[in-house]
Amino acid sequence: MRARGHLKQRLRVAVGGLEHVVGGLGTALLAFAALVWLVLVAVGCLVGVGLPLVPTVFRVTRAVADRERARLTRRGPEVIGPPPLPANARQALADLTVRRELAWLSLHGTAGFVVGALGITLPVYAVEDITFPVWYWLLEPGPIGPGIIWWRIDGLADAAGVSLIGFGCAALAVGLTSGIARLQALPGRRLLAPAPGVDLSLRVAELTATRAAALDAHAAELRRIERSLHDGTQNRLVALNVLIGAARRALDRNPDAAAEILDRAQDATEQALGELRAVVRGILPPVLDDRGLAGALAGLAGNCAVPCRVDVDVPGRCAASVEATAYFVVAEALTNVVKHSGATSAEVTVRRDGDRLRVRVADDGAGGADEHGGSGLAGMRRRVAAYDGRFVLTSPPGGPTTMDVELPCGS
């Protein structure tokens, strides 16, 4: 059992590494295209026609670098973005961040592409070679072979030899893909992160914004609780007080009517208690203490009108406030799925990656979610920002919609 668990863990790491390599290969292609544009503009400057295009080089480089920063942040420690580009080309060339981005562009557009191609080649060759005995007969006998194998294939025995080499490629892919992903990401981690002094100032600005978001989220939560108590529970208690007074007066004049009034008072009491429980659950759901995050999310999925699958793999427990934030975000997201998406299925995935809790809610609906459309997305973003987390929404028209949330949860 321990060996099986270790193998599953290694496969999961390898698949995650392959996903990282594929994303890195995409940004490497963009970096290569930007590098080509840089060379063309440089050649144009030599003949006197490229100077007006120099600012576009810095804008294109910044756009590609920001894509890489976002990719690296999704897979590890956050890479804080730089301040806006300088106003003119001369200032941009003197800017340390811009020069570091240009150095990264040259590395990632060349070596990063080669490393990414290598990372993809191993699993592709593994699949090709392992399945070779199934389709080798489609090829003419002779000095042929798939992938990295190039020898004479005259029968099933030769094809089986190719398949064995494919298993070797698969083992190499499982063992090396994660390291290849780290190697591919290394230039970005080193060159796209701000210099230490700049990093600190940006972090102070980010924490200032986070503190403001936390205060806004706290104020909004207090307003929500106040509205719930004022519009619901308080009205029930006022009605209960009126009914008790009416029952007291009826005891002298009409005792039979007093019993009916007391029944109504009991109903009002039960309704007030139910609304109070709802308010308490809105502050910190007791189900989190009783069943943990996995059980609480399973309960949300079970009550969702759209079929929803929940996959939670979180060893141990996170801080109660972090679990509550994850719970409320998923609850609001599933409410939006039911109300606005027109989806036929949804999926909630929760993973703990080091000191980060990663939550993903995906659906196959119509997409086009808008944070300014009154669907609660802006409030979800504020709630996540209050915990120094990340909120990324991807919802193109036509769908699907994916919401990724990261929350710090300690080591």
Protein backbone atom coordinates (compact mmCIF):
# COMPACT_ATOMS: atom_id res chain seq x y z
CA MET A 1 0.00 0.00 0.00
CA ARG A 2 2.83 2.39 0.84
CA ALA A 3 4.52 1.66 -2.51
CA ARG A 4 1.25 2.22 -4.35
CA GLY A 5 0.71 5.51 -2.57
CA HIS A 6 4.28 6.59 -3.40
CA LEU A 7 3.72 5.70 -7.06
CA LYS A 8 0.47 7.66 -7.19
CA GLN A 9 2.22 10.64 -5.62
CA ARG A 10 5.06 10.43 -8.16
CA LEU A 11 2.58 10.22 -11.03
CA ARG A 12 0.67 13.20 -9.69
CA VAL A 13 3.89 15.22 -9.41
CA ALA A 14 4.91 14.16 -12.93
CA VAL A 15 1.53 15.17 -14.39
CA GLY A 16 1.73 18.52 -12.61
CA GLY A 17 5.27 19.00 -13.90
CA LEU A 18 4.16 18.14 -17.45
CA GLU A 19 1.36 20.69 -17.19
CA HIS A 20 3.92 23.26 -16.03
CA VAL A 21 6.26 22.37 -18.91
CA VAL A 22 3.46 22.72 -21.46
CA GLY A 23 2.57 26.14 -20.06
CA GLY A 24 6.24 27.12 -20.12
CA LEU A 25 6.51 25.98 -23.73
CA GLY A 26 3.60 28.27 -24.58
CA THR A 27 5.25 31.31 -23.01
CA ALA A 28 8.56 30.25 -24.63
CA LEU A 29 6.88 30.44 -28.04
CA LEU A 30 5.57 33.89 -27.18
CA ALA A 31 9.04 34.89 -25.97
CA PHE A 32 10.59 33.61 -29.20
CA ALA A 33 8.09 35.64 -31.25
CA ALA A 34 8.88 38.73 -29.14
CA LEU A 35 12.59 38.05 -29.60
CA VAL A 36 12.14 37.92 -33.37
CA TRP A 37 10.28 41.24 -33.22
CA LEU A 38 13.11 42.73 -31.16
CA VAL A 39 15.66 41.64 -33.79
CA LEU A 40 13.54 43.05 -36.62
CA VAL A 41 13.16 46.38 -34.85
CA ALA A 42 16.90 46.46 -34.12
CA VAL A 43 17.67 45.83 -37.80
CA GLY A 44 15.16 48.52 -38.72
CA CYS A 45 16.94 50.97 -36.40
CA LEU A 46 20.20 50.30 -38.23
CA VAL A 47 18.63 51.42 -41.49
CA GLY A 48 16.77 54.32 -39.85
CA VAL A 49 13.17 53.06 -39.98
CA GLY A 50 12.84 51.18 -36.69
CA LEU A 51 13.04 53.97 -34.10
CA PRO A 52 9.25 54.61 -33.94
CA LEU A 53 8.75 50.90 -33.19
CA VAL A 54 11.18 50.72 -30.23
CA PRO A 55 8.46 51.35 -27.58
CA THR A 56 6.50 48.39 -28.91
CA VAL A 57 9.43 46.11 -28.06
CA PHE A 58 9.17 47.03 -24.38
CA ARG A 59 5.38 46.67 -24.36
CA VAL A 60 5.49 43.27 -26.04
CA THR A 61 8.27 42.11 -23.70
CA ARG A 62 6.30 43.27 -20.65
CA ALA A 63 3.14 41.51 -21.86
CA VAL A 64 4.97 38.20 -22.36
CA ALA A 65 6.84 38.57 -19.06
CA ASP A 66 3.55 39.21 -17.23
CA ARG A 67 2.15 35.99 -18.72
CA GLU A 68 5.16 34.13 -17.35
CA ARG A 69 4.81 35.81 -13.95
CA ALA A 70 1.18 34.69 -13.77
CA ARG A 71 2.15 31.14 -14.79
CA LEU A 72 4.91 30.92 -12.18
CA THR A 73 2.65 32.34 -9.49
CA ARG A 74 0.03 29.66 -10.16
CA ARG A 75 2.65 26.96 -9.59
CA GLY A 76 4.63 28.33 -6.65
CA PRO A 77 5.57 31.44 -4.70
CA GLU A 78 4.08 34.64 -6.06
CA VAL A 79 6.16 36.62 -8.55
CA ILE A 80 5.23 40.24 -7.87
CA GLY A 81 4.70 42.35 -10.97
CA PRO A 82 6.79 45.47 -11.63
CA PRO A 83 5.64 49.10 -11.74
CA PRO A 84 4.42 50.50 -15.10
CA LEU A 85 6.86 50.94 -17.95
CA PRO A 86 8.81 54.21 -18.09
CA ALA A 87 7.44 56.98 -20.28
CA ASN A 88 10.03 56.81 -23.07
CA ALA A 89 12.49 54.39 -24.63
CA ARG A 90 15.57 56.02 -23.11
CA GLN A 91 14.18 55.68 -19.58
CA ALA A 92 13.07 52.12 -20.34
CA LEU A 93 16.57 51.11 -21.44
CA ALA A 94 17.95 52.53 -18.18
CA ASP A 95 15.37 50.70 -16.07
CA LEU A 96 16.76 47.62 -14.30
CA THR A 97 13.48 45.73 -14.48
CA VAL A 98 13.22 46.22 -18.25
CA ARG A 99 16.80 45.02 -18.76
CA ARG A 100 16.10 41.95 -16.66
CA GLU A 101 12.98 41.26 -18.73
CA LEU A 102 14.97 41.51 -21.96
CA ALA A 103 17.56 39.10 -20.56
CA TRP A 104 14.77 36.69 -19.60
CA LEU A 105 13.26 37.03 -23.07
CA SER A 106 16.48 35.90 -24.74
CA LEU A 107 16.88 32.96 -22.35
CA HIS A 108 13.30 31.75 -22.28
CA GLY A 109 12.75 32.22 -26.01
CA THR A 110 15.71 29.95 -26.80
CA ALA A 111 16.84 27.69 -23.96
CA GLY A 112 13.39 27.66 -22.38
CA PHE A 113 11.90 26.43 -25.65
CA VAL A 114 14.51 23.67 -25.94
CA VAL A 115 13.96 22.54 -22.35
CA GLY A 116 10.18 22.59 -22.82
CA ALA A 117 10.42 20.58 -26.05
CA LEU A 118 12.56 18.01 -24.23
CA GLY A 119 10.05 17.77 -21.39
CA ILE A 120 7.21 17.08 -23.84
CA THR A 121 9.25 14.73 -26.04
CA LEU A 122 9.84 12.12 -23.32
CA PRO A 123 6.15 11.35 -22.54
CA VAL A 124 5.23 11.54 -26.24
CA TYR A 125 7.94 9.04 -27.15
CA ALA A 126 6.93 6.87 -24.20
CA VAL A 127 3.32 6.61 -25.42
CA GLU A 128 4.45 6.11 -29.02
CA ASP A 129 6.93 3.35 -28.19
CA ILE A 130 4.75 1.54 -25.65
CA THR A 131 1.88 1.29 -28.14
CA PHE A 132 4.17 0.38 -31.06
CA PRO A 133 3.32 -3.38 -31.01
CA VAL A 134 -0.32 -2.44 -31.66
CA TRP A 135 0.31 -0.55 -34.89
CA TYR A 136 3.78 -1.55 -36.14
CA TRP A 137 2.24 -3.74 -38.85
CA LEU A 138 1.00 -0.59 -40.59
CA LEU A 139 4.64 0.20 -41.46
CA GLU A 140 6.73 -1.47 -44.14
CA PRO A 141 9.37 -3.91 -42.77
CA GLY A 142 12.81 -2.41 -42.74
CA PRO A 143 15.06 0.02 -40.87
CA ILE A 144 12.25 1.99 -39.28
CA GLY A 145 10.97 2.72 -35.81
CA PRO A 146 9.01 5.29 -33.84
CA GLY A 147 10.33 8.15 -31.78
CA ILE A 148 13.94 7.86 -30.74
CA ILE A 149 14.12 4.23 -31.91
CA TRP A 150 15.52 3.66 -35.37
CA TRP A 151 16.22 0.05 -36.19
CA ARG A 152 14.95 -2.73 -38.41
CA ILE A 153 11.46 -3.97 -37.45
CA ASP A 154 10.76 -7.40 -38.90
CA GLY A 155 8.16 -8.76 -36.49
CA LEU A 156 6.40 -8.66 -33.16
CA ALA A 157 9.57 -9.43 -31.20
CA ASP A 158 11.30 -6.31 -32.56
CA ALA A 159 8.16 -4.26 -31.87
CA ALA A 160 8.08 -5.60 -28.30
CA GLY A 161 11.68 -4.43 -27.87
CA VAL A 162 10.59 -0.97 -28.89
CA SER A 163 7.78 -1.19 -26.32
CA LEU A 164 10.27 -2.01 -23.55
CA ILE A 165 12.27 1.07 -24.43
CA GLY A 166 9.02 3.02 -24.26
CA PHE A 167 8.57 1.93 -20.65
CA GLY A 168 12.09 3.23 -20.00
CA CYS A 169 11.12 6.57 -21.53
CA ALA A 170 8.01 6.60 -19.32
CA ALA A 171 10.15 6.02 -16.21
CA LEU A 172 12.47 8.85 -17.26
CA ALA A 173 9.48 11.12 -17.86
CA VAL A 174 8.08 10.38 -14.38
CA GLY A 175 11.45 10.96 -12.76
CA LEU A 176 12.64 13.98 -14.73
CA THR A 177 9.57 16.01 -15.71
CA SER A 178 9.33 17.84 -12.40
CA GLY A 179 13.02 18.77 -12.53
CA ILE A 180 12.67 19.88 -16.15
CA ALA A 181 9.78 22.13 -15.13
CA ARG A 182 11.90 23.71 -12.38
CA LEU A 183 14.80 24.20 -14.78
CA GLN A 184 12.52 25.83 -17.33
CA ALA A 185 11.08 28.16 -14.67
CA LEU A 186 14.47 29.11 -13.20
CA PRO A 187 15.20 32.13 -15.48
CA GLY A 188 11.76 33.55 -14.74
CA ARG A 189 12.17 33.08 -11.00
CA ARG A 190 15.55 34.79 -11.09
CA LEU A 191 15.00 37.57 -13.63
CA LEU A 192 11.29 38.43 -13.48
CA ALA A 193 11.13 38.84 -9.71
CA PRO A 194 11.80 42.45 -8.65
CA ALA A 195 15.11 43.45 -7.11
CA PRO A 196 15.13 43.08 -3.29
CA GLY A 197 14.50 46.76 -2.53
CA VAL A 198 11.78 47.07 -5.14
CA ASP A 199 10.27 43.80 -3.94
CA LEU A 200 9.92 45.20 -0.43
CA SER A 201 8.30 48.44 -1.54
CA LEU A 202 5.86 46.61 -3.80
CA ARG A 203 5.06 44.20 -1.03
CA VAL A 204 4.32 47.10 1.34
CA ALA A 205 1.99 48.61 -1.25
CA GLU A 206 0.33 45.24 -1.79
CA LEU A 207 -0.16 44.71 1.94
CA THR A 208 -1.60 48.22 2.26
CA ALA A 209 -4.14 47.39 -0.45
CA THR A 210 -4.83 44.03 1.21
CA ARG A 211 -5.45 45.72 4.56
CA ALA A 212 -7.91 48.10 2.92
CA ALA A 213 -9.64 45.14 1.26
CA ALA A 214 -9.79 43.35 4.62
CA LEU A 215 -11.40 46.37 6.27
CA ASP A 216 -13.90 46.67 3.40
CA ALA A 217 -14.72 42.97 3.61
CA HIS A 218 -15.16 43.24 7.40
CA ALA A 219 -17.45 46.24 7.05
CA ALA A 220 -19.48 44.49 4.35
CA GLU A 221 -19.81 41.41 6.56
CA LEU A 222 -21.02 43.54 9.49
CA ARG A 223 -23.57 45.24 7.22
CA ARG A 224 -24.79 41.84 6.02
CA ILE A 225 -25.21 40.57 9.59
CA GLU A 226 -26.96 43.80 10.62
CA ARG A 227 -29.38 43.54 7.69
CA SER A 228 -30.08 39.90 8.47
CA LEU A 229 -30.83 40.68 12.11
CA HIS A 230 -32.79 43.86 11.40
CA ASP A 231 -34.89 42.65 8.47
CA GLY A 232 -35.47 39.13 9.71
CA THR A 233 -34.88 38.18 13.32
CA GLN A 234 -35.80 41.58 14.78
CA ASN A 235 -39.12 41.64 12.94
CA ARG A 236 -39.87 38.12 14.16
CA LEU A 237 -39.14 39.12 17.76
CA VAL A 238 -41.34 42.23 17.48
CA ALA A 239 -44.16 40.08 16.13
CA LEU A 240 -43.57 37.60 18.95
CA ASN A 241 -43.81 40.40 21.52
CA VAL A 242 -47.08 41.59 20.00
CA LEU A 243 -48.52 38.07 20.01
CA ILE A 244 -47.55 37.51 23.65
CA GLY A 245 -49.23 40.79 24.59
CA ALA A 246 -52.35 39.82 22.66
CA ALA A 247 -52.41 36.41 24.32
CA ARG A 248 -52.14 38.00 27.78
CA ARG A 249 -55.08 40.31 27.05
CA ALA A 250 -57.10 37.44 25.57
CA LEU A 251 -56.68 35.32 28.70
CA ASP A 252 -59.23 37.51 30.50
CA ARG A 253 -61.68 38.05 27.65
CA ASN A 254 -61.41 34.97 25.40
CA PRO A 255 -59.21 32.10 26.72
CA ASP A 256 -59.89 30.00 23.59
CA ALA A 257 -58.40 32.70 21.36
CA ALA A 258 -55.37 32.92 23.67
CA ALA A 259 -54.40 29.34 22.81
CA GLU A 260 -54.47 30.13 19.09
CA ILE A 261 -52.40 33.26 19.63
CA LEU A 262 -49.84 31.30 21.66
CA ASP A 263 -49.57 28.78 18.80
CA ARG A 264 -48.80 31.64 16.44
CA ALA A 265 -46.28 32.97 18.95
CA GLN A 266 -44.58 29.58 19.07
CA ASP A 267 -44.37 29.51 15.26
CA ALA A 268 -42.85 33.01 15.30
CA THR A 269 -40.33 31.84 17.92
CA GLU A 270 -39.28 28.88 15.80
CA GLN A 271 -38.89 31.10 12.74
CA ALA A 272 -36.78 33.58 14.70
CA LEU A 273 -34.57 30.77 15.99
CA GLY A 274 -34.14 29.45 12.45
CA GLU A 275 -33.11 32.87 11.19
CA LEU A 276 -30.69 33.27 14.09
CA ARG A 277 -29.11 29.91 13.22
CA ALA A 278 -28.79 31.06 9.61
CA VAL A 279 -27.01 34.23 10.73
CA VAL A 280 -24.66 32.20 12.95
CA ARG A 281 -23.90 29.81 10.09
CA GLY A 282 -23.12 32.84 7.95
CA ILE A 283 -20.49 33.98 10.46
CA LEU A 284 -18.71 30.65 10.92
CA PRO A 285 -20.48 27.49 9.71
CA PRO A 286 -20.62 24.88 12.52
CA VAL A 287 -20.40 22.16 9.86
CA LEU A 288 -16.71 23.02 9.47
CA ASP A 289 -16.06 22.05 13.08
CA ASP A 290 -18.27 18.98 12.87
CA ARG A 291 -17.20 17.53 9.49
CA GLY A 292 -14.12 19.45 8.38
CA LEU A 293 -13.65 21.22 5.06
CA ALA A 294 -14.12 18.08 2.95
CA GLY A 295 -17.41 17.18 4.64
CA ALA A 296 -18.68 20.76 4.55
CA LEU A 297 -17.99 21.08 0.82
CA ALA A 298 -19.56 17.67 0.19
CA GLY A 299 -22.68 19.00 1.93
CA LEU A 300 -22.72 22.06 -0.33
CA ALA A 301 -22.38 19.87 -3.41
CA GLY A 302 -25.15 17.56 -2.21
CA ASN A 303 -27.54 20.51 -1.85
CA CYS A 304 -26.56 22.05 -5.21
CA ALA A 305 -29.24 21.88 -7.92
CA VAL A 306 -26.53 21.26 -10.54
CA PRO A 307 -24.72 17.89 -10.31
CA CYS A 308 -21.42 18.67 -8.62
CA ARG A 309 -18.35 16.51 -7.99
CA VAL A 310 -16.07 17.35 -5.05
CA ASP A 311 -12.42 16.28 -4.84
CA VAL A 312 -10.67 17.41 -1.64
CA ASP A 313 -7.12 16.36 -0.75
CA VAL A 314 -6.05 18.49 2.22
CA PRO A 315 -3.91 16.71 4.83
CA GLY A 316 -4.66 18.00 8.30
CA ARG A 317 -6.64 21.13 9.07
CA CYS A 318 -6.09 24.74 8.05
CA ALA A 319 -6.89 27.76 10.19
CA ALA A 320 -10.61 28.11 10.88
CA SER A 321 -10.75 31.48 9.11
CA VAL A 322 -9.10 30.04 5.99
CA GLU A 323 -11.48 27.08 5.89
CA ALA A 324 -14.42 29.44 6.39
CA THR A 325 -13.24 31.62 3.51
CA ALA A 326 -12.85 28.60 1.23
CA TYR A 327 -16.32 27.38 2.29
CA PHE A 328 -18.03 30.71 1.60
CA VAL A 329 -16.25 31.14 -1.74
CA VAL A 330 -17.36 27.70 -2.90
CA ALA A 331 -20.90 28.29 -1.61
CA GLU A 332 -21.17 31.60 -3.49
CA ALA A 333 -19.62 30.08 -6.62
CA LEU A 334 -22.08 27.18 -6.66
CA THR A 335 -24.94 29.63 -6.12
CA ASN A 336 -23.77 31.53 -9.21
CA VAL A 337 -23.52 28.26 -11.15
CA VAL A 338 -27.15 27.48 -10.36
CA LYS A 339 -28.48 31.00 -10.96
CA HIS A 340 -26.49 32.28 -13.92
CA SER A 341 -24.44 29.68 -15.79
CA GLY A 342 -26.97 27.25 -17.25
CA ALA A 343 -24.41 24.51 -16.54
CA THR A 344 -25.19 20.80 -16.49
CA SER A 345 -22.29 19.88 -14.19
CA ALA A 346 -19.78 21.48 -11.85
CA GLU A 347 -16.61 20.37 -10.13
CA VAL A 348 -14.90 21.56 -6.94
CA THR A 349 -11.24 20.67 -6.44
CA VAL A 350 -9.30 21.56 -3.28
CA ARG A 351 -5.62 20.86 -2.78
CA ARG A 352 -3.03 21.87 -0.23
CA ASP A 353 0.28 22.78 -1.87
CA GLY A 354 2.84 23.59 0.81
CA ASP A 355 1.60 26.71 2.56
CA ARG A 356 -1.16 27.42 0.03
CA LEU A 357 -4.71 26.12 -0.13
CA ARG A 358 -5.80 25.94 -3.76
CA VAL A 359 -9.51 25.89 -4.59
CA ARG A 360 -10.92 25.48 -8.09
CA VAL A 361 -14.60 25.64 -9.04
CA ALA A 362 -15.34 24.81 -12.67
CA ASP A 363 -18.58 24.41 -14.63
CA ASP A 364 -19.58 23.70 -18.23
CA GLY A 365 -22.00 26.62 -18.46
CA ALA A 366 -22.37 29.51 -20.86
CA GLY A 367 -19.47 31.56 -19.43
CA GLY A 368 -19.28 35.31 -19.72
CA ALA A 369 -19.23 35.87 -15.94
CA ASP A 370 -18.81 39.56 -15.08
CA GLU A 371 -17.53 40.79 -11.73
CA HIS A 372 -19.56 43.99 -12.15
CA GLY A 373 -22.81 42.17 -12.93
CA GLY A 374 -24.01 41.79 -9.37
CA SER A 375 -23.21 38.06 -9.11
CA GLY A 376 -21.14 38.41 -5.92
CA LEU A 377 -17.80 37.90 -7.67
CA ALA A 378 -16.44 41.26 -6.51
CA GLY A 379 -17.30 40.37 -2.91
CA MET A 380 -15.58 37.00 -3.31
CA ARG A 381 -12.46 38.73 -4.60
CA ARG A 382 -12.47 41.12 -1.62
CA ARG A 383 -12.92 38.25 0.82
CA VAL A 384 -9.97 36.38 -0.71
CA ALA A 385 -7.80 39.51 -0.88
CA ALA A 386 -8.47 40.10 2.79
CA TYR A 387 -6.45 36.94 3.50
CA ASP A 388 -3.64 37.91 1.14
CA GLY A 389 -4.89 35.34 -1.33
CA ARG A 390 -5.35 35.22 -5.10
CA PHE A 391 -8.59 35.13 -7.08
CA VAL A 392 -8.46 34.31 -10.80
CA LEU A 393 -11.65 34.01 -12.87
CA THR A 394 -11.60 32.60 -16.41
CA SER A 395 -15.01 32.78 -18.09
CA PRO A 396 -14.93 33.32 -21.86
CA PRO A 397 -18.29 33.71 -23.66
CA GLY A 398 -19.55 30.24 -24.40
CA GLY A 399 -17.76 28.78 -21.38
CA PRO A 400 -16.48 26.98 -19.54
CA THR A 401 -16.01 29.01 -16.37
CA THR A 402 -13.13 28.31 -14.00
CA MET A 403 -12.49 30.10 -10.70
CA ASP A 404 -9.12 29.56 -9.05
CA VAL A 405 -8.54 30.72 -5.48
CA GLU A 406 -5.33 30.49 -3.46
CA LEU A 407 -5.27 31.12 0.27
CA PRO A 408 -2.27 31.05 2.62
CA CYS A 409 -2.75 28.31 5.18
CA GLY A 410 0.60 28.08 6.98
CA SER A 411 3.31 25.45 6.57
